[in-house]
Amino acid sequence: MGEPRTGFAFLEHTADVGIRAWGPSPREAFEQAGVGLAALMGLTARSPGRATQFHVDGVDAGGLLVALLDELVFRLETAEGEGLASLRITRLDPTSLQATVELAPMRDPVEGLVVKAATYHQLEVAERPEGATEIRVFLDV
């Protein structure tokens, strides 16, 4: 049995923690990286919640990923008692993206890492030979 079509896994590093995310398209891989970030922070919630949209810019796919994760860190850190219920990338261009994030009340106490920011250290957004996208990103914790 092969790897699922979408997902994420945590990567070990001496000082930081990483996320490896993948999906059949860049949009889905970016979404999985965001879901992985929320899981790492212990801030995943169940729908329904309040949905908001945001826009970020970057010089390339890696820059967009860092901007997306940094925006999610900000939103999750400032959403008192709420966690990520869903993340959907609604538009993804080479240098910008638009996303809809749904935040919902947390049912259980938060147990996770405090993430300061996404980093460019060993950052990779790569297309696999079969067309899927794989991401590697390390986070400053």
C-alpha atoms as a PDB file:
ATOM      1  CA  MET A   1       0.000   0.000   0.000  1.00  0.00           C
ATOM      2  CA  GLY A   2       1.424   3.372  -1.007  1.00  0.00           C
ATOM      3  CA  GLU A   3       1.366   6.758   0.606  1.00  0.00           C
ATOM      4  CA  PRO A   4      -2.033   8.521   0.789  1.00  0.00           C
ATOM      5  CA  ARG A   5      -2.777  11.163  -1.862  1.00  0.00           C
ATOM      6  CA  THR A   6      -2.602  13.986   0.692  1.00  0.00           C
ATOM      7  CA  GLY A   7      -1.057  14.252   4.115  1.00  0.00           C
ATOM      8  CA  PHE A   8       1.649  15.576   6.341  1.00  0.00           C
ATOM      9  CA  ALA A   9       4.382  14.232   8.626  1.00  0.00           C
ATOM     10  CA  PHE A  10       6.683  15.870  11.139  1.00  0.00           C
ATOM     11  CA  LEU A  11      10.440  16.072  10.470  1.00  0.00           C
ATOM     12  CA  GLU A  12      13.145  16.015  13.105  1.00  0.00           C
ATOM     13  CA  HIS A  13      15.775  18.742  13.342  1.00  0.00           C
ATOM     14  CA  THR A  14      18.293  19.702  16.014  1.00  0.00           C
ATOM     15  CA  ALA A  15      16.783  23.115  16.833  1.00  0.00           C
ATOM     16  CA  ASP A  16      13.487  23.382  14.931  1.00  0.00           C
ATOM     17  CA  VAL A  17      10.681  21.110  13.824  1.00  0.00           C
ATOM     18  CA  GLY A  18       9.707  20.449  10.248  1.00  0.00           C
ATOM     19  CA  ILE A  19       6.655  19.490   8.287  1.00  0.00           C
ATOM     20  CA  ARG A  20       6.622  17.376   5.159  1.00  0.00           C
ATOM     21  CA  ALA A  21       3.318  17.800   3.344  1.00  0.00           C
ATOM     22  CA  TRP A  22       2.095  16.442   0.042  1.00  0.00           C
ATOM     23  CA  GLY A  23      -0.891  16.374  -2.258  1.00  0.00           C
ATOM     24  CA  PRO A  24      -1.877  15.785  -5.870  1.00  0.00           C
ATOM     25  CA  SER A  25      -1.626  19.537  -6.508  1.00  0.00           C
ATOM     26  CA  PRO A  26       0.267  22.497  -5.018  1.00  0.00           C
ATOM     27  CA  ARG A  27      -3.000  23.806  -3.551  1.00  0.00           C
ATOM     28  CA  GLU A  28      -3.656  20.581  -1.649  1.00  0.00           C
ATOM     29  CA  ALA A  29      -0.038  20.313  -0.478  1.00  0.00           C
ATOM     30  CA  PHE A  30      -0.209  23.894   0.884  1.00  0.00           C
ATOM     31  CA  GLU A  31      -3.460  23.024   2.673  1.00  0.00           C
ATOM     32  CA  GLN A  32      -1.846  19.964   4.254  1.00  0.00           C
ATOM     33  CA  ALA A  33       1.117  22.057   5.438  1.00  0.00           C
ATOM     34  CA  GLY A  34      -1.368  24.383   7.177  1.00  0.00           C
ATOM     35  CA  VAL A  35      -3.235  21.468   8.748  1.00  0.00           C
ATOM     36  CA  GLY A  36       0.103  20.046   9.918  1.00  0.00           C
ATOM     37  CA  LEU A  37       1.040  23.396  11.472  1.00  0.00           C
ATOM     38  CA  ALA A  38      -2.236  23.518  13.444  1.00  0.00           C
ATOM     39  CA  ALA A  39      -1.750  19.910  14.593  1.00  0.00           C
ATOM     40  CA  LEU A  40       1.785  20.681  15.739  1.00  0.00           C
ATOM     41  CA  MET A  41       0.494  23.658  17.718  1.00  0.00           C
ATOM     42  CA  GLY A  42      -2.300  21.535  19.196  1.00  0.00           C
ATOM     43  CA  LEU A  43      -4.844  23.881  17.651  1.00  0.00           C
ATOM     44  CA  THR A  44      -7.133  21.720  15.548  1.00  0.00           C
ATOM     45  CA  ALA A  45     -10.872  22.106  16.006  1.00  0.00           C
ATOM     46  CA  ARG A  46     -14.041  20.706  14.481  1.00  0.00           C
ATOM     47  CA  SER A  47     -16.452  22.534  12.185  1.00  0.00           C
ATOM     48  CA  PRO A  48     -18.578  24.575  12.192  1.00  0.00           C
ATOM     49  CA  GLY A  49     -16.758  27.775  12.933  1.00  0.00           C
ATOM     50  CA  ARG A  50     -16.287  31.280  11.603  1.00  0.00           C
ATOM     51  CA  ALA A  51     -14.736  31.570   8.167  1.00  0.00           C
ATOM     52  CA  THR A  52     -12.522  34.419   7.063  1.00  0.00           C
ATOM     53  CA  GLN A  53     -10.471  35.022   3.955  1.00  0.00           C
ATOM     54  CA  PHE A  54      -6.955  36.341   3.627  1.00  0.00           C
ATOM     55  CA  HIS A  55      -4.401  37.035   0.938  1.00  0.00           C
ATOM     56  CA  VAL A  56      -0.610  36.657   1.044  1.00  0.00           C
ATOM     57  CA  ASP A  57       2.158  37.396  -1.445  1.00  0.00           C
ATOM     58  CA  GLY A  58       5.565  35.829  -2.026  1.00  0.00           C
ATOM     59  CA  VAL A  59       8.352  35.932  -4.581  1.00  0.00           C
ATOM     60  CA  ASP A  60       7.890  32.236  -5.437  1.00  0.00           C
ATOM     61  CA  ALA A  61       6.168  29.066  -4.205  1.00  0.00           C
ATOM     62  CA  GLY A  62       8.487  28.806  -1.186  1.00  0.00           C
ATOM     63  CA  GLY A  63       7.900  32.416  -0.241  1.00  0.00           C
ATOM     64  CA  LEU A  64       4.142  31.896  -0.553  1.00  0.00           C
ATOM     65  CA  LEU A  65       4.312  28.865   1.722  1.00  0.00           C
ATOM     66  CA  VAL A  66       6.266  30.767   4.386  1.00  0.00           C
ATOM     67  CA  ALA A  67       3.810  33.698   4.148  1.00  0.00           C
ATOM     68  CA  LEU A  68       0.829  31.322   4.434  1.00  0.00           C
ATOM     69  CA  LEU A  69       2.222  29.535   7.490  1.00  0.00           C
ATOM     70  CA  ASP A  70       3.240  32.803   9.166  1.00  0.00           C
ATOM     71  CA  GLU A  71      -0.283  34.172   8.632  1.00  0.00           C
ATOM     72  CA  LEU A  72      -1.747  30.986  10.120  1.00  0.00           C
ATOM     73  CA  VAL A  73       0.573  31.242  13.139  1.00  0.00           C
ATOM     74  CA  PHE A  74      -0.642  34.813  13.693  1.00  0.00           C
ATOM     75  CA  ARG A  75      -4.307  33.887  13.325  1.00  0.00           C
ATOM     76  CA  LEU A  76      -4.046  30.840  15.582  1.00  0.00           C
ATOM     77  CA  GLU A  77      -2.088  32.725  18.245  1.00  0.00           C
ATOM     78  CA  THR A  78      -4.575  35.601  18.335  1.00  0.00           C
ATOM     79  CA  ALA A  79      -7.778  33.518  18.123  1.00  0.00           C
ATOM     80  CA  GLU A  80      -8.538  33.088  21.797  1.00  0.00           C
ATOM     81  CA  GLY A  81      -9.821  29.590  22.492  1.00  0.00           C
ATOM     82  CA  GLU A  82     -10.175  28.741  18.809  1.00  0.00           C
ATOM     83  CA  GLY A  83      -8.364  26.330  16.543  1.00  0.00           C
ATOM     84  CA  LEU A  84      -8.195  25.500  12.848  1.00  0.00           C
ATOM     85  CA  ALA A  85     -11.318  23.692  11.649  1.00  0.00           C
ATOM     86  CA  SER A  86     -10.462  23.951   7.944  1.00  0.00           C
ATOM     87  CA  LEU A  87      -8.138  25.616   5.484  1.00  0.00           C
ATOM     88  CA  ARG A  88      -8.905  25.966   1.807  1.00  0.00           C
ATOM     89  CA  ILE A  89      -6.647  27.628  -0.745  1.00  0.00           C
ATOM     90  CA  THR A  90      -9.129  29.326  -3.071  1.00  0.00           C
ATOM     91  CA  ARG A  91      -6.590  30.850  -5.467  1.00  0.00           C
ATOM     92  CA  LEU A  92      -2.931  30.049  -5.999  1.00  0.00           C
ATOM     93  CA  ASP A  93      -0.821  32.030  -8.448  1.00  0.00           C
ATOM     94  CA  PRO A  94       2.989  32.010  -8.795  1.00  0.00           C
ATOM     95  CA  THR A  95       3.357  34.986  -6.406  1.00  0.00           C
ATOM     96  CA  SER A  96       0.086  35.214  -4.451  1.00  0.00           C
ATOM     97  CA  LEU A  97      -2.592  33.113  -2.875  1.00  0.00           C
ATOM     98  CA  GLN A  98      -5.979  33.561  -1.314  1.00  0.00           C
ATOM     99  CA  ALA A  99      -7.249  31.263   1.400  1.00  0.00           C
ATOM    100  CA  THR A 100     -10.338  30.699   3.489  1.00  0.00           C
ATOM    101  CA  VAL A 101      -9.666  29.662   7.061  1.00  0.00           C
ATOM    102  CA  GLU A 102     -12.343  28.389   9.422  1.00  0.00           C
ATOM    103  CA  LEU A 103     -11.673  28.825  13.131  1.00  0.00           C
ATOM    104  CA  ALA A 104     -13.842  27.075  15.718  1.00  0.00           C
ATOM    105  CA  PRO A 105     -13.885  26.807  19.519  1.00  0.00           C
ATOM    106  CA  MET A 106     -11.465  24.277  21.002  1.00  0.00           C
ATOM    107  CA  ARG A 107     -13.128  21.531  23.020  1.00  0.00           C
ATOM    108  CA  ASP A 108     -10.027  20.326  24.810  1.00  0.00           C
ATOM    109  CA  PRO A 109      -7.125  22.184  26.456  1.00  0.00           C
ATOM    110  CA  VAL A 110      -4.292  23.086  24.080  1.00  0.00           C
ATOM    111  CA  GLU A 111      -1.277  20.802  24.133  1.00  0.00           C
ATOM    112  CA  GLY A 112       1.207  21.634  21.435  1.00  0.00           C
ATOM    113  CA  LEU A 113       4.317  23.546  20.531  1.00  0.00           C
ATOM    114  CA  VAL A 114       4.617  27.305  20.377  1.00  0.00           C
ATOM    115  CA  VAL A 115       5.620  28.147  16.812  1.00  0.00           C
ATOM    116  CA  LYS A 116       7.340  31.477  16.237  1.00  0.00           C
ATOM    117  CA  ALA A 117       7.519  31.427  12.438  1.00  0.00           C
ATOM    118  CA  ALA A 118       8.133  29.407   9.311  1.00  0.00           C
ATOM    119  CA  THR A 119      11.719  29.532   8.053  1.00  0.00           C
ATOM    120  CA  TYR A 120      13.494  29.337   4.709  1.00  0.00           C
ATOM    121  CA  HIS A 121      15.945  26.751   6.128  1.00  0.00           C
ATOM    122  CA  GLN A 122      15.871  23.716   3.797  1.00  0.00           C
ATOM    123  CA  LEU A 123      12.588  24.991   2.348  1.00  0.00           C
ATOM    124  CA  GLU A 124      11.399  22.967  -0.612  1.00  0.00           C
ATOM    125  CA  VAL A 125       8.274  22.972  -2.760  1.00  0.00           C
ATOM    126  CA  ALA A 126       8.797  20.326  -5.408  1.00  0.00           C
ATOM    127  CA  GLU A 127       6.756  18.583  -8.044  1.00  0.00           C
ATOM    128  CA  ARG A 128       7.064  14.798  -7.978  1.00  0.00           C
ATOM    129  CA  PRO A 129       7.521  12.868 -11.232  1.00  0.00           C
ATOM    130  CA  GLU A 130       3.850  11.750 -11.180  1.00  0.00           C
ATOM    131  CA  GLY A 131       2.698  15.384 -10.895  1.00  0.00           C
ATOM    132  CA  ALA A 132       1.988  15.551  -7.151  1.00  0.00           C
ATOM    133  CA  THR A 133       3.551  18.280  -5.004  1.00  0.00           C
ATOM    134  CA  GLU A 134       5.734  17.719  -1.932  1.00  0.00           C
ATOM    135  CA  ILE A 135       6.678  20.363   0.625  1.00  0.00           C
ATOM    136  CA  ARG A 136       9.392  20.490   3.270  1.00  0.00           C
ATOM    137  CA  VAL A 137       9.423  23.399   5.672  1.00  0.00           C
ATOM    138  CA  PHE A 138      11.032  23.946   9.062  1.00  0.00           C
ATOM    139  CA  LEU A 139       9.475  26.023  11.810  1.00  0.00           C
ATOM    140  CA  ASP A 140      11.175  28.102  14.471  1.00  0.00           C
ATOM    141  CA  VAL A 141       9.812  26.835  17.804  1.00  0.00           C
END
